[in-house]
PDB file of N, CA and C in Angstrom:
ATOM      1  N   UNK A   1      84.875  85.040 128.281  1.00  0.00           N
ATOM      2  CA  UNK A   1      84.870  86.480 128.739  1.00  0.00           C
ATOM      3  C   UNK A   1      84.262  86.092 129.847  1.00  0.00           C
ATOM      4  N   UNK A   2      84.992  87.248 131.088  1.00  0.00           N
ATOM      5  CA  UNK A   2      83.961  87.397 132.239  1.00  0.00           C
ATOM      6  C   UNK A   2      84.283  89.067 132.180  1.00  0.00           C
ATOM      7  N   UNK A   3      83.107  89.282 132.886  1.00  0.00           N
ATOM      8  CA  UNK A   3      82.999  90.917 132.976  1.00  0.00           C
ATOM      9  C   UNK A   3      82.369  91.267 134.287  1.00  0.00           C
ATOM     10  N   UNK A   4      82.871  91.400 135.184  1.00  0.00           N
ATOM     11  CA  UNK A   4      82.286  92.099 136.782  1.00  0.00           C
ATOM     12  C   UNK A   4      81.978  93.151 136.598  1.00  0.00           C
ATOM     13  N   UNK A   5      80.921  93.537 137.239  1.00  0.00           N
ATOM     14  CA  UNK A   5      80.432  95.297 137.353  1.00  0.00           C
ATOM     15  C   UNK A   5      79.590  95.366 138.876  1.00  0.00           C
ATOM     16  N   UNK A   6      79.904  96.256 139.337  1.00  0.00           N
ATOM     17  CA  UNK A   6      79.045  96.834 140.517  1.00  0.00           C
ATOM     18  C   UNK A   6      78.782  98.124 140.505  1.00  0.00           C
ATOM     19  N   UNK A   7      77.680  98.603 140.450  1.00  0.00           N
ATOM     20  CA  UNK A   7      77.783  99.949 140.451  1.00  0.00           C
ATOM     21  C   UNK A   7      76.822 100.139 141.691  1.00  0.00           C
ATOM     22  N   UNK A   8      76.418 101.409 141.988  1.00  0.00           N
ATOM     23  CA  UNK A   8      75.413 102.393 142.509  1.00  0.00           C
ATOM     24  C   UNK A   8      75.164 103.734 142.403  1.00  0.00           C
ATOM     25  N   UNK A   9      73.643 103.956 142.543  1.00  0.00           N
ATOM     26  CA  UNK A   9      73.141 105.237 141.842  1.00  0.00           C
ATOM     27  C   UNK A   9      72.418 105.516 143.033  1.00  0.00           C
ATOM     28  N   UNK A  10      72.437 106.802 143.756  1.00  0.00           N
ATOM     29  CA  UNK A  10      71.826 107.719 144.615  1.00  0.00           C
ATOM     30  C   UNK A  10      71.352 109.444 144.245  1.00  0.00           C
ATOM     31  N   UNK A  11      70.184 109.649 144.537  1.00  0.00           N
ATOM     32  CA  UNK A  11      69.556 111.029 144.484  1.00  0.00           C
ATOM     33  C   UNK A  11      70.140 112.009 145.842  1.00  0.00           C
ATOM     34  N   UNK A  12      70.230 112.940 145.726  1.00  0.00           N
ATOM     35  CA  UNK A  12      70.659 114.022 146.647  1.00  0.00           C
ATOM     36  C   UNK A  12      69.000 114.283 147.405  1.00  0.00           C
ATOM     37  N   UNK A  13      69.045 114.884 148.661  1.00  0.00           N
ATOM     38  CA  UNK A  13      67.476 114.887 149.449  1.00  0.00           C
ATOM     39  C   UNK A  13      66.282 115.809 148.450  1.00  0.00           C
ATOM     40  N   UNK A  14      66.725 116.896 147.853  1.00  0.00           N
ATOM     41  CA  UNK A  14      65.681 117.414 146.793  1.00  0.00           C
ATOM     42  C   UNK A  14      65.621 116.557 145.086  1.00  0.00           C
ATOM     43  N   UNK A  15      66.276 115.657 145.233  1.00  0.00           N
ATOM     44  CA  UNK A  15      66.290 114.731 143.861  1.00  0.00           C
ATOM     45  C   UNK A  15      66.501 116.046 142.640  1.00  0.00           C
ATOM     46  N   UNK A  16      67.448 116.851 143.155  1.00  0.00           N
ATOM     47  CA  UNK A  16      68.012 117.545 142.021  1.00  0.00           C
ATOM     48  C   UNK A  16      69.117 117.089 140.869  1.00  0.00           C
ATOM     49  N   UNK A  17      69.767 116.146 142.081  1.00  0.00           N
ATOM     50  CA  UNK A  17      71.261 115.765 141.526  1.00  0.00           C
ATOM     51  C   UNK A  17      71.352 114.290 141.531  1.00  0.00           C
ATOM     52  N   UNK A  18      71.843 113.500 140.878  1.00  0.00           N
ATOM     53  CA  UNK A  18      71.798 112.028 140.946  1.00  0.00           C
ATOM     54  C   UNK A  18      73.460 111.660 141.106  1.00  0.00           C
ATOM     55  N   UNK A  19      74.215 110.761 141.853  1.00  0.00           N
ATOM     56  CA  UNK A  19      75.233 110.794 141.668  1.00  0.00           C
ATOM     57  C   UNK A  19      75.537 108.910 141.137  1.00  0.00           C
ATOM     58  N   UNK A  20      76.730 108.600 140.773  1.00  0.00           N
ATOM     59  CA  UNK A  20      76.936 107.180 140.860  1.00  0.00           C
ATOM     60  C   UNK A  20      78.498 107.032 140.840  1.00  0.00           C
ATOM     61  N   UNK A  21      78.499 105.746 141.230  1.00  0.00           N
ATOM     62  CA  UNK A  21      79.922 104.893 141.172  1.00  0.00           C
ATOM     63  C   UNK A  21      79.876 103.587 140.733  1.00  0.00           C
ATOM     64  N   UNK A  22      81.180 103.398 139.791  1.00  0.00           N
ATOM     65  CA  UNK A  22      80.950 102.068 139.571  1.00  0.00           C
ATOM     66  C   UNK A  22      82.352 101.656 139.292  1.00  0.00           C
ATOM     67  N   UNK A  23      82.170 100.104 139.523  1.00  0.00           N
ATOM     68  CA  UNK A  23      83.532  99.188 139.019  1.00  0.00           C
ATOM     69  C   UNK A  23      83.212  98.043 138.095  1.00  0.00           C
ATOM     70  N   UNK A  24      84.416  97.811 137.742  1.00  0.00           N
ATOM     71  CA  UNK A  24      84.463  96.375 136.745  1.00  0.00           C
ATOM     72  C   UNK A  24      85.804  95.561 136.656  1.00  0.00           C
ATOM     73  N   UNK A  25      85.671  94.771 136.382  1.00  0.00           N
ATOM     74  CA  UNK A  25      86.536  93.532 135.880  1.00  0.00           C
ATOM     75  C   UNK A  25      86.219  92.532 134.857  1.00  0.00           C
ATOM     76  N   UNK A  26      87.237  92.986 133.816  1.00  0.00           N
ATOM     77  CA  UNK A  26      86.907  92.251 132.680  1.00  0.00           C
ATOM     78  C   UNK A  26      88.226  91.791 132.285  1.00  0.00           C
ATOM     79  N   UNK A  27      87.971  90.313 131.539  1.00  0.00           N
ATOM     80  CA  UNK A  27      89.147  89.451 131.386  1.00  0.00           C
ATOM     81  C   UNK A  27      88.697  88.450 130.020  1.00  0.00           C
ATOM     82  N   UNK A  28      89.633  88.413 129.245  1.00  0.00           N
ATOM     83  CA  UNK A  28      88.750  88.058 127.740  1.00  0.00           C
ATOM     84  C   UNK A  28      90.151  87.534 127.302  1.00  0.00           C
ATOM     85  N   UNK A  29      90.187  85.748 126.734  1.00  0.00           N
ATOM     86  CA  UNK A  29      91.039  85.114 126.165  1.00  0.00           C
ATOM     87  C   UNK A  29      90.832  86.028 124.408  1.00  0.00           C
ATOM     88  N   UNK A  30      92.340  86.079 123.788  1.00  0.00           N
ATOM     89  CA  UNK A  30      92.228  86.241 122.253  1.00  0.00           C
ATOM     90  C   UNK A  30      92.522  85.120 121.573  1.00  0.00           C
ATOM     91  N   UNK A  31      92.297  84.578 120.837  1.00  0.00           N
ATOM     92  CA  UNK A  31      92.574  83.355 120.338  1.00  0.00           C
ATOM     93  C   UNK A  31      93.041  83.524 118.601  1.00  0.00           C
ATOM     94  N   UNK A  32      94.431  83.133 118.341  1.00  0.00           N
ATOM     95  CA  UNK A  32      94.120  83.443 116.889  1.00  0.00           C
ATOM     96  C   UNK A  32      94.117  82.183 115.951  1.00  0.00           C
ATOM     97  N   UNK A  33      93.676  82.258 114.898  1.00  0.00           N
ATOM     98  CA  UNK A  33      93.451  80.699 113.893  1.00  0.00           C
ATOM     99  C   UNK A  33      94.587  80.935 112.584  1.00  0.00           C
ATOM    100  N   UNK A  34      94.617  80.427 111.663  1.00  0.00           N
ATOM    101  CA  UNK A  34      95.147  80.332 110.622  1.00  0.00           C
ATOM    102  C   UNK A  34      94.589  81.784 109.505  1.00  0.00           C
ATOM    103  N   UNK A  35      95.458  82.574 109.452  1.00  0.00           N
ATOM    104  CA  UNK A  35      94.991  83.886 108.408  1.00  0.00           C
ATOM    105  C   UNK A  35      95.283  83.658 107.321  1.00  0.00           C
ATOM    106  N   UNK A  36      94.766  84.120 105.969  1.00  0.00           N
ATOM    107  CA  UNK A  36      95.694  83.851 104.672  1.00  0.00           C
ATOM    108  C   UNK A  36      95.502  85.373 104.167  1.00  0.00           C
ATOM    109  N   UNK A  37      95.621  86.240 104.764  1.00  0.00           N
ATOM    110  CA  UNK A  37      95.518  87.388 104.308  1.00  0.00           C
ATOM    111  C   UNK A  37      96.933  88.185 104.197  1.00  0.00           C
ATOM    112  N   UNK A  38      97.696  88.658 103.352  1.00  0.00           N
ATOM    113  CA  UNK A  38      98.896  89.212 103.391  1.00  0.00           C
ATOM    114  C   UNK A  38      98.607  90.878 103.715  1.00  0.00           C
ATOM    115  N   UNK A  39      99.776  91.092 104.968  1.00  0.00           N
ATOM    116  CA  UNK A  39      99.450  91.934 105.757  1.00  0.00           C
ATOM    117  C   UNK A  39     100.923  92.848 105.740  1.00  0.00           C
ATOM    118  N   UNK A  40     101.152  93.695 105.160  1.00  0.00           N
ATOM    119  CA  UNK A  40     102.551  94.881 105.201  1.00  0.00           C
ATOM    120  C   UNK A  40     103.359  94.628 106.188  1.00  0.00           C
ATOM    121  N   UNK A  41     104.613  94.108 106.110  1.00  0.00           N
ATOM    122  CA  UNK A  41     105.407  93.623 107.279  1.00  0.00           C
ATOM    123  C   UNK A  41     105.677  93.015 107.863  1.00  0.00           C
ATOM    124  N   UNK A  42     104.430  92.216 107.738  1.00  0.00           N
ATOM    125  CA  UNK A  42     104.559  90.843 108.986  1.00  0.00           C
ATOM    126  C   UNK A  42     104.993  89.497 107.951  1.00  0.00           C
ATOM    127  N   UNK A  43     106.038  88.841 108.502  1.00  0.00           N
ATOM    128  CA  UNK A  43     106.412  87.821 107.390  1.00  0.00           C
ATOM    129  C   UNK A  43     105.655  86.734 107.268  1.00  0.00           C
ATOM    130  N   UNK A  44     105.128  86.241 108.399  1.00  0.00           N
ATOM    131  CA  UNK A  44     104.460  85.007 108.552  1.00  0.00           C
ATOM    132  C   UNK A  44     103.183  85.090 109.689  1.00  0.00           C
ATOM    133  N   UNK A  45     102.102  84.425 109.217  1.00  0.00           N
ATOM    134  CA  UNK A  45     101.087  84.572 110.289  1.00  0.00           C
ATOM    135  C   UNK A  45     100.516  83.019 110.462  1.00  0.00           C
ATOM    136  N   UNK A  46     101.620  81.915 110.356  1.00  0.00           N
ATOM    137  CA  UNK A  46     101.279  80.574 110.904  1.00  0.00           C
ATOM    138  C   UNK A  46     101.767  80.510 112.472  1.00  0.00           C
ATOM    139  N   UNK A  47     102.147  81.226 112.597  1.00  0.00           N
ATOM    140  CA  UNK A  47     102.456  80.691 114.449  1.00  0.00           C
ATOM    141  C   UNK A  47     100.810  81.085 115.530  1.00  0.00           C
ATOM    142  N   UNK A  48     100.163  80.286 115.245  1.00  0.00           N
ATOM    143  CA  UNK A  48      99.026  80.758 116.089  1.00  0.00           C
ATOM    144  C   UNK A  48      99.441  80.732 117.591  1.00  0.00           C
ATOM    145  N   UNK A  49      98.370  82.026 118.294  1.00  0.00           N
ATOM    146  CA  UNK A  49      99.023  82.266 119.601  1.00  0.00           C
ATOM    147  C   UNK A  49      97.215  82.638 120.607  1.00  0.00           C
ATOM    148  N   UNK A  50      97.839  82.320 121.653  1.00  0.00           N
ATOM    149  CA  UNK A  50      96.472  82.150 122.485  1.00  0.00           C
ATOM    150  C   UNK A  50      97.244  83.619 123.728  1.00  0.00           C
ATOM    151  N   UNK A  51      96.232  84.567 123.771  1.00  0.00           N
ATOM    152  CA  UNK A  51      96.836  85.359 124.730  1.00  0.00           C
ATOM    153  C   UNK A  51      95.390  86.005 125.561  1.00  0.00           C
ATOM    154  N   UNK A  52      95.731  86.397 126.758  1.00  0.00           N
ATOM    155  CA  UNK A  52      94.564  86.936 127.643  1.00  0.00           C
ATOM    156  C   UNK A  52      95.048  88.220 127.964  1.00  0.00           C
ATOM    157  N   UNK A  53      94.020  89.338 128.316  1.00  0.00           N
ATOM    158  CA  UNK A  53      93.780  90.236 128.461  1.00  0.00           C
ATOM    159  C   UNK A  53      92.820  90.657 129.727  1.00  0.00           C
ATOM    160  N   UNK A  54      92.878  91.478 130.916  1.00  0.00           N
ATOM    161  CA  UNK A  54      92.450  91.740 131.751  1.00  0.00           C
ATOM    162  C   UNK A  54      92.347  92.956 132.157  1.00  0.00           C
ATOM    163  N   UNK A  55      91.435  93.582 132.540  1.00  0.00           N
ATOM    164  CA  UNK A  55      91.757  95.105 133.453  1.00  0.00           C
ATOM    165  C   UNK A  55      90.514  95.500 134.370  1.00  0.00           C
ATOM    166  N   UNK A  56      90.869  96.156 135.306  1.00  0.00           N
ATOM    167  CA  UNK A  56      90.067  96.667 136.174  1.00  0.00           C
ATOM    168  C   UNK A  56      89.392  97.982 135.804  1.00  0.00           C
ATOM    169  N   UNK A  57      88.222  98.537 136.015  1.00  0.00           N
ATOM    170  CA  UNK A  57      87.488 100.115 135.644  1.00  0.00           C
ATOM    171  C   UNK A  57      87.241 100.475 136.773  1.00  0.00           C
ATOM    172  N   UNK A  58      86.921 101.847 136.659  1.00  0.00           N
ATOM    173  CA  UNK A  58      86.391 102.397 137.690  1.00  0.00           C
ATOM    174  C   UNK A  58      85.663 103.746 137.080  1.00  0.00           C
ATOM    175  N   UNK A  59      84.229 104.158 137.580  1.00  0.00           N
ATOM    176  CA  UNK A  59      84.035 105.339 137.538  1.00  0.00           C
ATOM    177  C   UNK A  59      82.856 106.302 138.363  1.00  0.00           C
ATOM    178  N   UNK A  60      82.841 107.542 137.902  1.00  0.00           N
ATOM    179  CA  UNK A  60      82.345 108.527 138.508  1.00  0.00           C
ATOM    180  C   UNK A  60      81.371 109.189 137.654  1.00  0.00           C
ATOM    181  N   UNK A  61      79.900 109.630 138.355  1.00  0.00           N
ATOM    182  CA  UNK A  61      79.126 110.398 137.659  1.00  0.00           C
ATOM    183  C   UNK A  61      78.133 111.111 138.541  1.00  0.00           C
ATOM    184  N   UNK A  62      77.836 112.156 137.831  1.00  0.00           N
ATOM    185  CA  UNK A  62      76.688 112.967 138.561  1.00  0.00           C
ATOM    186  C   UNK A  62      75.651 114.026 137.431  1.00  0.00           C
ATOM    187  N   UNK A  63      74.510 113.728 137.691  1.00  0.00           N
ATOM    188  CA  UNK A  63      73.578 114.135 136.606  1.00  0.00           C
ATOM    189  C   UNK A  63      72.769 115.384 137.134  1.00  0.00           C
ATOM    190  N   UNK A  64      72.195 116.557 136.314  1.00  0.00           N
ATOM    191  CA  UNK A  64      71.124 117.020 137.098  1.00  0.00           C
ATOM    192  C   UNK A  64      70.123 117.328 135.808  1.00  0.00           C
ATOM    193  N   UNK A  65      69.331 118.528 136.201  1.00  0.00           N
ATOM    194  CA  UNK A  65      68.683 118.663 134.552  1.00  0.00           C
ATOM    195  C   UNK A  65      69.432 119.620 133.724  1.00  0.00           C
ATOM    196  N   UNK A  66      70.804 120.233 133.909  1.00  0.00           N
ATOM    197  CA  UNK A  66      71.457 121.051 133.593  1.00  0.00           C
ATOM    198  C   UNK A  66      72.800 120.421 133.225  1.00  0.00           C
ATOM    199  N   UNK A  67      72.933 119.940 133.822  1.00  0.00           N
ATOM    200  CA  UNK A  67      74.678 119.451 133.921  1.00  0.00           C
ATOM    201  C   UNK A  67      74.896 117.768 134.116  1.00  0.00           C
ATOM    202  N   UNK A  68      75.588 117.603 133.054  1.00  0.00           N
ATOM    203  CA  UNK A  68      76.084 116.037 133.285  1.00  0.00           C
ATOM    204  C   UNK A  68      77.657 115.425 133.455  1.00  0.00           C
ATOM    205  N   UNK A  69      78.089 114.833 134.270  1.00  0.00           N
ATOM    206  CA  UNK A  69      79.925 114.899 134.278  1.00  0.00           C
ATOM    207  C   UNK A  69      80.139 113.437 134.328  1.00  0.00           C
ATOM    208  N   UNK A  70      80.919 112.995 133.743  1.00  0.00           N
ATOM    209  CA  UNK A  70      81.285 111.248 133.829  1.00  0.00           C
ATOM    210  C   UNK A  70      83.045 111.372 133.887  1.00  0.00           C
ATOM    211  N   UNK A  71      83.733 110.515 134.626  1.00  0.00           N
ATOM    212  CA  UNK A  71      84.933 110.267 134.711  1.00  0.00           C
ATOM    213  C   UNK A  71      85.164 108.629 134.759  1.00  0.00           C
ATOM    214  N   UNK A  72      85.616 108.228 133.735  1.00  0.00           N
ATOM    215  CA  UNK A  72      85.728 106.712 133.527  1.00  0.00           C
ATOM    216  C   UNK A  72      87.313 106.424 133.685  1.00  0.00           C
ATOM    217  N   UNK A  73      87.756 105.328 134.409  1.00  0.00           N
ATOM    218  CA  UNK A  73      89.509 105.033 133.947  1.00  0.00           C
ATOM    219  C   UNK A  73      89.501 103.169 133.725  1.00  0.00           C
ATOM    220  N   UNK A  74      90.630 103.275 133.029  1.00  0.00           N
ATOM    221  CA  UNK A  74      90.323 101.676 133.031  1.00  0.00           C
ATOM    222  C   UNK A  74      92.104 101.420 133.114  1.00  0.00           C
ATOM    223  N   UNK A  75      92.531 100.364 133.751  1.00  0.00           N
ATOM    224  CA  UNK A  75      93.946  99.875 134.061  1.00  0.00           C
ATOM    225  C   UNK A  75      94.042  98.266 133.561  1.00  0.00           C
ATOM    226  N   UNK A  76      94.923  98.469 133.295  1.00  0.00           N
ATOM    227  CA  UNK A  76      95.656  96.989 132.650  1.00  0.00           C
ATOM    228  C   UNK A  76      96.042  96.043 133.964  1.00  0.00           C
ATOM    229  N   UNK A  77      95.823  94.921 133.538  1.00  0.00           N
ATOM    230  CA  UNK A  77      96.442  94.002 134.757  1.00  0.00           C
ATOM    231  C   UNK A  77      97.297  93.087 133.750  1.00  0.00           C
ATOM    232  N   UNK A  78      98.387  92.877 134.457  1.00  0.00           N
ATOM    233  CA  UNK A  78      98.996  91.920 133.926  1.00  0.00           C
ATOM    234  C   UNK A  78     100.521  92.674 132.802  1.00  0.00           C
ATOM    235  N   UNK A  79     101.036  91.979 132.224  1.00  0.00           N
ATOM    236  CA  UNK A  79     101.715  91.878 131.013  1.00  0.00           C
ATOM    237  C   UNK A  79     100.665  93.003 130.075  1.00  0.00           C
ATOM    238  N   UNK A  80     100.805  94.156 130.073  1.00  0.00           N
ATOM    239  CA  UNK A  80     100.700  95.170 128.774  1.00  0.00           C
ATOM    240  C   UNK A  80     101.311  95.617 127.925  1.00  0.00           C
ATOM    241  N   UNK A  81     102.561  94.806 127.524  1.00  0.00           N
ATOM    242  CA  UNK A  81     103.471  94.813 126.244  1.00  0.00           C
ATOM    243  C   UNK A  81     103.108  93.655 125.650  1.00  0.00           C
ATOM    244  N   UNK A  82     102.241  93.241 125.125  1.00  0.00           N
ATOM    245  CA  UNK A  82     102.470  91.916 124.592  1.00  0.00           C
ATOM    246  C   UNK A  82     102.593  91.436 123.009  1.00  0.00           C
ATOM    247  N   UNK A  83     103.532  90.793 122.647  1.00  0.00           N
ATOM    248  CA  UNK A  83     103.600  90.542 121.342  1.00  0.00           C
ATOM    249  C   UNK A  83     102.329  90.384 120.363  1.00  0.00           C
ATOM    250  N   UNK A  84     101.998  91.051 119.375  1.00  0.00           N
ATOM    251  CA  UNK A  84     100.407  90.977 118.360  1.00  0.00           C
ATOM    252  C   UNK A  84     100.593  89.566 118.200  1.00  0.00           C
ATOM    253  N   UNK A  85      99.699  88.997 117.397  1.00  0.00           N
ATOM    254  CA  UNK A  85      99.253  87.493 116.792  1.00  0.00           C
ATOM    255  C   UNK A  85     100.124  87.369 115.602  1.00  0.00           C
ATOM    256  N   UNK A  86     100.586  88.508 115.123  1.00  0.00           N
ATOM    257  CA  UNK A  86     101.307  88.579 113.883  1.00  0.00           C
ATOM    258  C   UNK A  86     103.136  88.924 113.867  1.00  0.00           C
ATOM    259  N   UNK A  87     103.179  88.811 115.726  1.00  0.00           N
ATOM    260  CA  UNK A  87     104.759  88.915 115.837  1.00  0.00           C
ATOM    261  C   UNK A  87     105.401  90.184 115.387  1.00  0.00           C
ATOM    262  N   UNK A  88     104.273  91.193 115.310  1.00  0.00           N
ATOM    263  CA  UNK A  88     104.656  92.769 115.209  1.00  0.00           C
ATOM    264  C   UNK A  88     104.517  93.411 116.211  1.00  0.00           C
ATOM    265  N   UNK A  89     105.397  94.177 117.082  1.00  0.00           N
ATOM    266  CA  UNK A  89     105.136  94.583 118.734  1.00  0.00           C
ATOM    267  C   UNK A  89     103.956  95.618 118.465  1.00  0.00           C
ATOM    268  N   UNK A  90     103.335  95.095 119.539  1.00  0.00           N
ATOM    269  CA  UNK A  90     102.218  95.504 120.078  1.00  0.00           C
ATOM    270  C   UNK A  90     101.854  95.559 121.606  1.00  0.00           C
ATOM    271  N   UNK A  91     100.469  96.429 121.840  1.00  0.00           N
ATOM    272  CA  UNK A  91     100.180  96.406 123.440  1.00  0.00           C
ATOM    273  C   UNK A  91      98.885  97.115 123.473  1.00  0.00           C
ATOM    274  N   UNK A  92      98.522  97.283 124.689  1.00  0.00           N
ATOM    275  CA  UNK A  92      97.123  98.256 125.131  1.00  0.00           C
ATOM    276  C   UNK A  92      97.732  99.174 124.983  1.00  0.00           C
ATOM    277  N   UNK A  93      96.631  99.499 124.555  1.00  0.00           N
ATOM    278  CA  UNK A  93      96.476 101.581 124.273  1.00  0.00           C
ATOM    279  C   UNK A  93      95.715 101.772 125.793  1.00  0.00           C
ATOM    280  N   UNK A  94      96.546 102.407 126.286  1.00  0.00           N
ATOM    281  CA  UNK A  94      96.590 102.917 127.787  1.00  0.00           C
ATOM    282  C   UNK A  94      95.646 104.695 127.339  1.00  0.00           C
ATOM    283  N   UNK A  95      93.652 104.804 127.565  1.00  0.00           N
ATOM    284  CA  UNK A  95      93.757 106.347 127.771  1.00  0.00           C
ATOM    285  C   UNK A  95      93.442 107.215 128.947  1.00  0.00           C
TER     286      UNK A  95
END
């Protein structure tokens, strides 16, 4: 797993508001092993698979004594419709 983050925060002139920006890159392998649990709808879990998930993210935030605002976004990189480890159609949930 590799997670790389970069962020910066600063205060306005009278220190009544704080602002922030950030950017992230997250990459991780998902390796499967033997499974002995029956899962409804799955014919076989014997085909072990290695898949790789990667995404970039960014965020904005601002704070004061009475307000707090955060905005955050994640965008997958590469194939976002990957067959799951159980050969049941799946993918990355984009919010």
